[in-house]
Amino acid sequence: MDDADMTPLKRARLAAGMSQGQVCAQLRKLRQKRDALPPKESSMKRMYIEWEHGRVDPTDWREELCEVFQLPPAALGFVEVSPPPAIELPTALDVFRIDPELVEMLEEQTNHYRLMDRKVGAAIIPQTVAHVEHMQQLLRNALPGKHFSSAAVALAEGAALAGWQALDAGDIKKAWDLHDIAKTAARQGDDAASLAHVTAQQAYALLDAGRAADAVELIQYAHTPETAKRVPPRLRAWLAAAEAEFLAAAGQGDQARRLLDVAVEVLPSGDTDPELPYLMLNQTHLARWRGHCLARLGASEAVDELTSALDGDQALSSKRAESSLRVDLALALRSRGDIAGSKEHARRAAELAGRTGSARQRARIADLLAD
């Protein structure tokens, strides 16, 4: 089973370093403590295998499983995500005009999945992809009109979110294809900011595929002086920081540092802008991003930057963000020669990545934990 297809239950077991037999033994002990007769060892093992493969829902064992792994139900895939009420699609011949209320509903649905992604990670991917397919079908049946472009931008934002989730789950090809959908929709919507954002974000698929130079080329296509005149300052800062990250990965340290300085200069106050619902970026996030770039470059000051970021409330508000930050800190400590400290942060990052289903971070962690 590929990492991207691994069930949350299996991810939790591997992150805990336990065998199936050890898990089953603990489950049987918990039942005994509760004065309930546990199943035989052989029966327990067969039941657990079915649960871990996702073929059977462990409805009557959820509480015990959460106790064994010391994780909330959502981290084990037990929380059913209830999407907002679905929008009824027209029939194949029933074309219609898009109105503002429909656009608002689409944007609210995307934001719903964005918020759920921060809580349960990879578990939300099927729902997000279904949402994207839903919007594609809707636009195919829509007549041109003044609100069509807004719906197209909503599709671009939703597809980019699904693409980022696929990338985090380790499915680079799916991530690339979803970002292609996002780019096409952004062009349909004639939205320069959305097009620049989803194009630059698609470059991360190239970065994760080991093609840093190609990632630099793609983001520079999206991040041009002409683009800078047409997008809000917060997005300009995001584009500069993303390009700096790709340049750092390509070993172009001077250019990366220059763009990090540009990002700091143009970033406005606050966390978000109304016209950029898909983008959250503030000084704390940017400091963490700077530390990530410096860690890629092997710069000595990366440790201080990242340690400071780890102590901030923003870093700890998201398990995925904390996992990424600890991987960066482990990398920076290894460059400094602190192998013990590096492995300590890498092990903690592995635990967090297991809870969110982040194959992307686990791939980086594997190298750090290798002897």
Protein backbone atom coordinates (compact mmCIF):
# COMPACT_ATOMS: atom_id res chain seq x y z
CA MET A 1 0.00 0.00 0.00
CA ASP A 2 1.40 3.42 -1.02
CA ASP A 3 1.68 6.16 1.62
CA ALA A 4 -1.06 8.11 -0.14
CA ASP A 5 -3.43 5.09 0.13
CA MET A 6 -2.52 4.16 3.72
CA THR A 7 -5.39 4.29 6.20
CA PRO A 8 -5.16 6.70 9.16
CA LEU A 9 -5.18 3.68 11.49
CA LYS A 10 -2.10 2.18 9.85
CA ARG A 11 -0.34 5.56 9.80
CA ALA A 12 -0.98 5.90 13.53
CA ARG A 13 0.41 2.44 14.26
CA LEU A 14 3.56 3.01 12.22
CA ALA A 15 4.07 6.45 13.78
CA ALA A 16 3.81 4.81 17.22
CA GLY A 17 6.35 2.15 16.24
CA MET A 18 4.00 -0.70 17.17
CA SER A 19 3.32 -4.06 15.56
CA GLN A 20 -0.19 -5.28 14.89
CA GLY A 21 0.27 -7.86 17.64
CA GLN A 22 1.22 -5.20 20.17
CA VAL A 23 -1.84 -3.13 19.31
CA CYS A 24 -4.12 -6.16 19.60
CA ALA A 25 -2.63 -7.08 22.98
CA GLN A 26 -3.31 -3.60 24.34
CA LEU A 27 -6.86 -3.61 22.97
CA ARG A 28 -7.59 -6.93 24.71
CA LYS A 29 -6.14 -5.60 28.01
CA LEU A 30 -8.34 -2.50 27.83
CA ARG A 31 -11.43 -4.67 27.38
CA GLN A 32 -10.42 -6.78 30.37
CA LYS A 33 -9.94 -3.66 32.52
CA ARG A 34 -13.50 -2.68 31.64
CA ASP A 35 -14.77 -6.07 32.78
CA ALA A 36 -15.61 -7.08 29.23
CA LEU A 37 -14.63 -10.40 27.70
CA PRO A 38 -12.14 -9.74 24.88
CA PRO A 39 -12.05 -11.84 21.73
CA LYS A 40 -9.45 -14.55 21.31
CA GLU A 41 -6.00 -13.44 20.13
CA SER A 42 -6.52 -14.94 16.67
CA SER A 43 -9.93 -13.31 16.31
CA MET A 44 -8.59 -9.97 17.53
CA LYS A 45 -5.77 -10.09 14.96
CA ARG A 46 -8.20 -10.83 12.10
CA MET A 47 -10.47 -7.99 13.21
CA TYR A 48 -7.61 -5.52 13.41
CA ILE A 49 -6.30 -6.41 9.96
CA GLU A 50 -9.75 -5.69 8.50
CA TRP A 51 -9.85 -2.33 10.30
CA GLU A 52 -6.37 -1.34 9.22
CA HIS A 53 -7.12 -2.12 5.57
CA GLY A 54 -10.28 -0.03 5.76
CA ARG A 55 -12.56 -2.93 4.91
CA VAL A 56 -14.46 -2.82 8.22
CA ASP A 57 -15.26 0.13 10.49
CA PRO A 58 -14.19 -0.55 14.12
CA THR A 59 -17.41 1.02 15.43
CA ASP A 60 -17.36 -0.73 18.81
CA TRP A 61 -13.62 -0.29 19.35
CA ARG A 62 -13.09 3.38 18.57
CA GLU A 63 -12.67 4.43 22.20
CA GLU A 64 -10.05 1.76 22.87
CA LEU A 65 -8.13 2.53 19.67
CA CYS A 66 -7.99 6.23 20.58
CA GLU A 67 -6.64 5.27 24.01
CA VAL A 68 -3.99 2.93 22.59
CA PHE A 69 -2.62 5.51 20.16
CA GLN A 70 -3.34 8.55 22.37
CA LEU A 71 -5.00 10.27 19.44
CA PRO A 72 -8.39 11.93 18.89
CA PRO A 73 -11.00 10.16 16.72
CA ALA A 74 -10.36 12.44 13.72
CA ALA A 75 -6.68 11.47 13.59
CA LEU A 76 -7.69 7.82 13.23
CA GLY A 77 -10.23 8.57 10.52
CA PHE A 78 -13.24 8.01 12.76
CA VAL A 79 -14.84 11.41 12.35
CA GLU A 80 -17.27 11.53 9.49
CA VAL A 81 -16.86 14.87 7.73
CA SER A 82 -20.28 16.24 6.95
CA PRO A 83 -20.03 18.53 3.93
CA PRO A 84 -22.36 21.46 3.51
CA PRO A 85 -25.61 20.68 1.67
CA ALA A 86 -24.82 19.74 -1.91
CA ILE A 87 -25.90 22.02 -4.70
CA GLU A 88 -28.24 20.22 -7.06
CA LEU A 89 -26.72 20.05 -10.52
CA PRO A 90 -28.77 20.75 -13.62
CA THR A 91 -29.53 17.98 -16.08
CA ALA A 92 -27.34 17.64 -19.15
CA LEU A 93 -29.65 19.87 -21.23
CA ASP A 94 -30.74 22.23 -18.48
CA VAL A 95 -28.30 25.10 -18.85
CA PHE A 96 -28.60 28.06 -16.50
CA ARG A 97 -27.06 31.35 -15.43
CA ILE A 98 -24.87 31.64 -12.36
CA ASP A 99 -25.99 34.09 -9.68
CA PRO A 100 -24.09 35.63 -6.74
CA GLU A 101 -25.75 33.30 -4.21
CA LEU A 102 -24.42 30.24 -6.02
CA VAL A 103 -20.89 31.68 -6.14
CA GLU A 104 -21.06 32.38 -2.41
CA MET A 105 -22.15 28.80 -1.72
CA LEU A 106 -19.23 27.42 -3.74
CA GLU A 107 -16.76 29.62 -1.89
CA GLU A 108 -18.23 28.61 1.47
CA GLN A 109 -17.90 24.94 0.57
CA THR A 110 -14.25 25.42 -0.40
CA ASN A 111 -13.57 27.23 2.86
CA HIS A 112 -15.28 24.38 4.74
CA TYR A 113 -12.84 21.88 3.23
CA ARG A 114 -9.93 24.25 3.82
CA LEU A 115 -10.74 24.39 7.54
CA MET A 116 -11.28 20.63 7.74
CA ASP A 117 -7.94 20.05 6.01
CA ARG A 118 -6.18 21.86 8.86
CA LYS A 119 -7.82 19.50 11.35
CA VAL A 120 -7.72 16.06 9.69
CA GLY A 121 -5.20 16.40 6.85
CA ALA A 122 -5.28 13.67 4.21
CA ALA A 123 -8.62 12.28 5.42
CA ILE A 124 -10.47 15.11 3.66
CA ILE A 125 -8.98 14.58 0.17
CA PRO A 126 -11.85 12.51 -1.33
CA GLN A 127 -14.41 15.15 -0.32
CA THR A 128 -12.32 18.03 -1.69
CA VAL A 129 -11.77 16.27 -5.03
CA ALA A 130 -15.50 15.52 -5.27
CA HIS A 131 -16.18 19.21 -4.65
CA VAL A 132 -13.86 20.13 -7.53
CA GLU A 133 -15.58 17.67 -9.88
CA HIS A 134 -18.93 19.08 -8.79
CA MET A 135 -17.87 22.63 -9.71
CA GLN A 136 -16.46 21.50 -13.06
CA GLN A 137 -19.78 19.89 -13.96
CA LEU A 138 -21.65 22.98 -12.83
CA LEU A 139 -19.57 25.31 -15.01
CA ARG A 140 -20.00 23.04 -18.03
CA ASN A 141 -23.75 23.62 -17.74
CA ALA A 142 -23.56 27.35 -17.09
CA LEU A 143 -24.24 30.09 -19.61
CA PRO A 144 -21.80 32.98 -20.01
CA GLY A 145 -22.63 35.93 -17.79
CA LYS A 146 -21.21 38.51 -15.45
CA HIS A 147 -20.98 36.00 -12.56
CA PHE A 148 -19.45 33.15 -14.56
CA SER A 149 -15.93 34.47 -13.98
CA SER A 150 -16.46 34.51 -10.20
CA ALA A 151 -17.55 30.87 -10.29
CA ALA A 152 -14.48 30.02 -12.37
CA VAL A 153 -12.23 31.62 -9.76
CA ALA A 154 -14.04 29.60 -7.08
CA LEU A 155 -13.18 26.46 -9.06
CA ALA A 156 -9.55 27.59 -9.32
CA GLU A 157 -9.33 28.02 -5.54
CA GLY A 158 -10.97 24.66 -4.86
CA ALA A 159 -8.79 22.77 -7.34
CA ALA A 160 -5.63 24.39 -5.95
CA LEU A 161 -6.64 23.31 -2.44
CA ALA A 162 -7.23 19.73 -3.62
CA GLY A 163 -3.92 19.83 -5.49
CA TRP A 164 -2.03 20.95 -2.40
CA GLN A 165 -3.65 18.18 -0.36
CA ALA A 166 -2.63 15.61 -2.99
CA LEU A 167 0.92 16.92 -2.89
CA ASP A 168 1.02 16.65 0.90
CA ALA A 169 -0.21 13.05 0.56
CA GLY A 170 2.66 12.28 -1.83
CA ASP A 171 0.66 12.04 -5.08
CA ILE A 172 2.69 14.39 -7.29
CA LYS A 173 0.93 13.50 -10.56
CA LYS A 174 -2.52 14.11 -9.10
CA ALA A 175 -1.32 17.37 -7.59
CA TRP A 176 -0.01 18.53 -10.98
CA ASP A 177 -3.26 17.64 -12.77
CA LEU A 178 -5.46 19.39 -10.18
CA HIS A 179 -3.35 22.52 -10.49
CA ASP A 180 -3.81 22.36 -14.26
CA ILE A 181 -7.57 22.44 -13.64
CA ALA A 182 -7.00 25.41 -11.34
CA LYS A 183 -4.96 27.29 -13.95
CA THR A 184 -7.57 26.75 -16.67
CA ALA A 185 -10.32 27.99 -14.34
CA ALA A 186 -8.29 31.05 -13.30
CA ARG A 187 -7.84 31.94 -16.97
CA GLN A 188 -11.59 31.51 -17.53
CA GLY A 189 -12.17 33.88 -14.65
CA ASP A 190 -9.61 36.34 -16.02
CA ASP A 191 -8.17 36.67 -12.51
CA ALA A 192 -4.48 37.59 -12.49
CA ALA A 193 -4.02 37.00 -8.77
CA SER A 194 -5.59 33.53 -8.81
CA LEU A 195 -3.64 32.51 -11.91
CA ALA A 196 -0.33 33.65 -10.40
CA HIS A 197 -1.06 31.84 -7.13
CA VAL A 198 -2.10 28.46 -8.59
CA THR A 199 0.72 28.50 -11.17
CA ALA A 200 3.32 29.20 -8.49
CA GLN A 201 1.80 26.57 -6.21
CA GLN A 202 1.97 24.01 -9.05
CA ALA A 203 5.73 24.51 -9.06
CA TYR A 204 5.87 22.69 -5.72
CA ALA A 205 5.05 19.48 -7.59
CA LEU A 206 8.26 19.99 -9.58
CA LEU A 207 10.18 20.73 -6.39
CA ASP A 208 8.96 17.53 -4.75
CA ALA A 209 9.88 15.61 -7.89
CA GLY A 210 13.49 16.76 -7.47
CA ARG A 211 13.32 19.31 -10.29
CA ALA A 212 14.20 22.51 -8.44
CA ALA A 213 15.49 24.33 -11.54
CA ASP A 214 12.21 23.66 -13.36
CA ALA A 215 10.29 24.86 -10.31
CA VAL A 216 12.25 28.14 -10.43
CA GLU A 217 11.44 28.54 -14.11
CA LEU A 218 7.72 27.94 -13.59
CA ILE A 219 7.34 30.35 -10.69
CA GLN A 220 9.30 33.03 -12.51
CA TYR A 221 6.76 32.65 -15.31
CA ALA A 222 4.04 33.36 -12.74
CA HIS A 223 6.00 35.99 -10.78
CA THR A 224 6.97 38.72 -13.26
CA PRO A 225 7.27 42.51 -12.85
CA GLU A 226 4.05 42.81 -14.86
CA THR A 227 2.29 40.40 -12.51
CA ALA A 228 3.41 42.47 -9.52
CA LYS A 229 1.40 45.42 -10.86
CA ARG A 230 -1.80 43.35 -11.02
CA VAL A 231 -1.83 41.45 -7.71
CA PRO A 232 -2.29 42.56 -4.07
CA PRO A 233 0.83 43.14 -1.93
CA ARG A 234 0.22 40.08 0.30
CA LEU A 235 0.27 37.82 -2.75
CA ARG A 236 3.39 39.59 -4.05
CA ALA A 237 5.08 38.74 -0.73
CA TRP A 238 3.92 35.10 -1.00
CA LEU A 239 5.22 34.81 -4.56
CA ALA A 240 8.59 36.29 -3.56
CA ALA A 241 8.95 33.88 -0.63
CA ALA A 242 7.94 30.88 -2.74
CA GLU A 243 10.45 31.80 -5.43
CA ALA A 244 13.09 32.21 -2.71
CA GLU A 245 12.34 28.68 -1.51
CA PHE A 246 12.81 27.23 -5.01
CA LEU A 247 16.00 29.22 -5.52
CA ALA A 248 17.32 27.94 -2.18
CA ALA A 249 16.56 24.37 -3.25
CA ALA A 250 18.45 25.04 -6.48
CA GLY A 251 21.47 26.31 -4.50
CA GLN A 252 21.07 29.96 -5.52
CA GLY A 253 21.48 31.45 -2.06
CA ASP A 254 22.12 35.10 -2.92
CA GLN A 255 19.02 35.39 -5.09
CA ALA A 256 16.96 33.55 -2.46
CA ARG A 257 18.02 35.96 0.31
CA ARG A 258 17.25 38.95 -1.91
CA LEU A 259 13.71 37.75 -2.54
CA LEU A 260 13.15 36.99 1.14
CA ASP A 261 14.00 40.63 1.84
CA VAL A 262 11.55 41.69 -0.88
CA ALA A 263 8.81 39.60 0.74
CA VAL A 264 9.38 41.31 4.09
CA GLU A 265 9.30 44.75 2.46
CA VAL A 266 6.01 44.31 0.59
CA LEU A 267 4.04 42.24 3.14
CA PRO A 268 1.23 44.37 4.62
CA SER A 269 0.05 44.13 8.22
CA GLY A 270 -2.58 41.62 9.27
CA ASP A 271 -3.07 37.98 8.30
CA THR A 272 -5.44 37.96 5.31
CA ASP A 273 -7.07 40.15 2.67
CA PRO A 274 -10.74 39.93 1.59
CA GLU A 275 -9.72 39.53 -2.05
CA LEU A 276 -7.38 36.63 -1.19
CA PRO A 277 -9.51 34.14 0.80
CA TYR A 278 -7.11 31.31 -0.08
CA LEU A 279 -4.02 33.02 1.32
CA MET A 280 -2.96 33.52 4.93
CA LEU A 281 0.43 35.17 5.39
CA ASN A 282 1.75 37.35 8.20
CA GLN A 283 5.14 38.25 9.67
CA THR A 284 5.24 35.07 11.79
CA HIS A 285 4.56 32.85 8.80
CA LEU A 286 7.15 34.70 6.77
CA ALA A 287 9.77 34.30 9.50
CA ARG A 288 9.11 30.56 9.52
CA TRP A 289 9.40 30.51 5.73
CA ARG A 290 12.70 32.37 5.93
CA GLY A 291 14.01 29.79 8.38
CA HIS A 292 12.96 27.02 5.98
CA CYS A 293 14.91 28.62 3.13
CA LEU A 294 17.97 29.17 5.29
CA ALA A 295 17.83 25.53 6.42
CA ARG A 296 17.81 24.43 2.77
CA LEU A 297 20.89 26.58 2.22
CA GLY A 298 22.63 25.14 5.30
CA ALA A 299 22.95 28.62 6.83
CA SER A 300 24.01 28.70 10.48
CA GLU A 301 21.44 31.35 11.45
CA ALA A 302 18.60 29.00 10.43
CA VAL A 303 18.63 27.34 13.87
CA ASP A 304 17.95 30.61 15.71
CA GLU A 305 15.26 31.65 13.21
CA LEU A 306 13.46 28.31 13.45
CA THR A 307 13.77 27.96 17.21
CA SER A 308 12.20 31.39 17.62
CA ALA A 309 9.41 30.44 15.21
CA LEU A 310 8.76 27.19 17.08
CA ASP A 311 8.12 29.15 20.27
CA GLY A 312 5.45 31.26 18.57
CA ASP A 313 1.76 30.47 18.97
CA GLN A 314 1.24 30.49 15.19
CA ALA A 315 3.68 27.62 14.72
CA LEU A 316 1.83 25.37 17.16
CA SER A 317 -1.70 26.10 15.93
CA SER A 318 -1.33 23.58 13.10
CA LYS A 319 0.18 20.11 13.48
CA ARG A 320 1.16 20.13 9.81
CA ALA A 321 2.96 23.47 10.22
CA GLU A 322 4.72 22.28 13.37
CA SER A 323 5.82 19.08 11.64
CA SER A 324 7.29 21.04 8.72
CA LEU A 325 9.02 23.47 11.06
CA ARG A 326 10.58 20.67 13.11
CA VAL A 327 11.85 18.99 9.93
CA ASP A 328 13.52 22.27 8.98
CA LEU A 329 15.00 22.63 12.45
CA ALA A 330 16.28 19.04 12.34
CA LEU A 331 17.92 19.78 9.00
CA ALA A 332 19.51 22.99 10.32
CA LEU A 333 20.81 21.23 13.45
CA ARG A 334 22.31 18.44 11.37
CA SER A 335 24.12 21.02 9.24
CA ARG A 336 25.50 22.51 12.47
CA GLY A 337 26.69 19.06 13.59
CA ASP A 338 24.11 18.52 16.34
CA ILE A 339 23.02 15.01 15.30
CA ALA A 340 21.27 14.19 18.59
CA GLY A 341 19.22 17.39 18.49
CA SER A 342 18.43 16.83 14.83
CA LYS A 343 17.06 13.34 15.44
CA GLU A 344 15.01 14.51 18.42
CA HIS A 345 13.13 17.06 16.30
CA ALA A 346 12.87 14.61 13.39
CA ARG A 347 11.23 11.99 15.62
CA ARG A 348 8.70 14.52 16.92
CA ALA A 349 8.03 15.63 13.33
CA ALA A 350 7.44 11.99 12.36
CA GLU A 351 4.77 11.65 15.06
CA LEU A 352 2.99 14.78 13.83
CA ALA A 353 3.26 13.78 10.16
CA GLY A 354 1.73 10.41 11.02
CA ARG A 355 -1.30 12.14 12.53
CA THR A 356 -1.91 14.37 9.50
CA GLY A 357 -1.08 11.78 6.85
CA SER A 358 1.67 13.96 5.37
CA ALA A 359 3.70 11.69 3.10
CA ARG A 360 5.52 14.84 1.97
CA GLN A 361 7.01 15.43 5.40
CA ARG A 362 7.64 11.73 6.06
CA ALA A 363 9.83 11.59 2.96
CA ARG A 364 11.99 14.41 4.33
CA ILE A 365 12.05 12.83 7.80
CA ALA A 366 13.25 9.46 6.53
CA ASP A 367 16.60 10.91 5.47
CA LEU A 368 17.06 12.71 8.79
CA LEU A 369 16.43 9.58 10.85
CA ALA A 370 18.67 7.36 8.73
CA ASP A 371 21.86 6.29 10.48
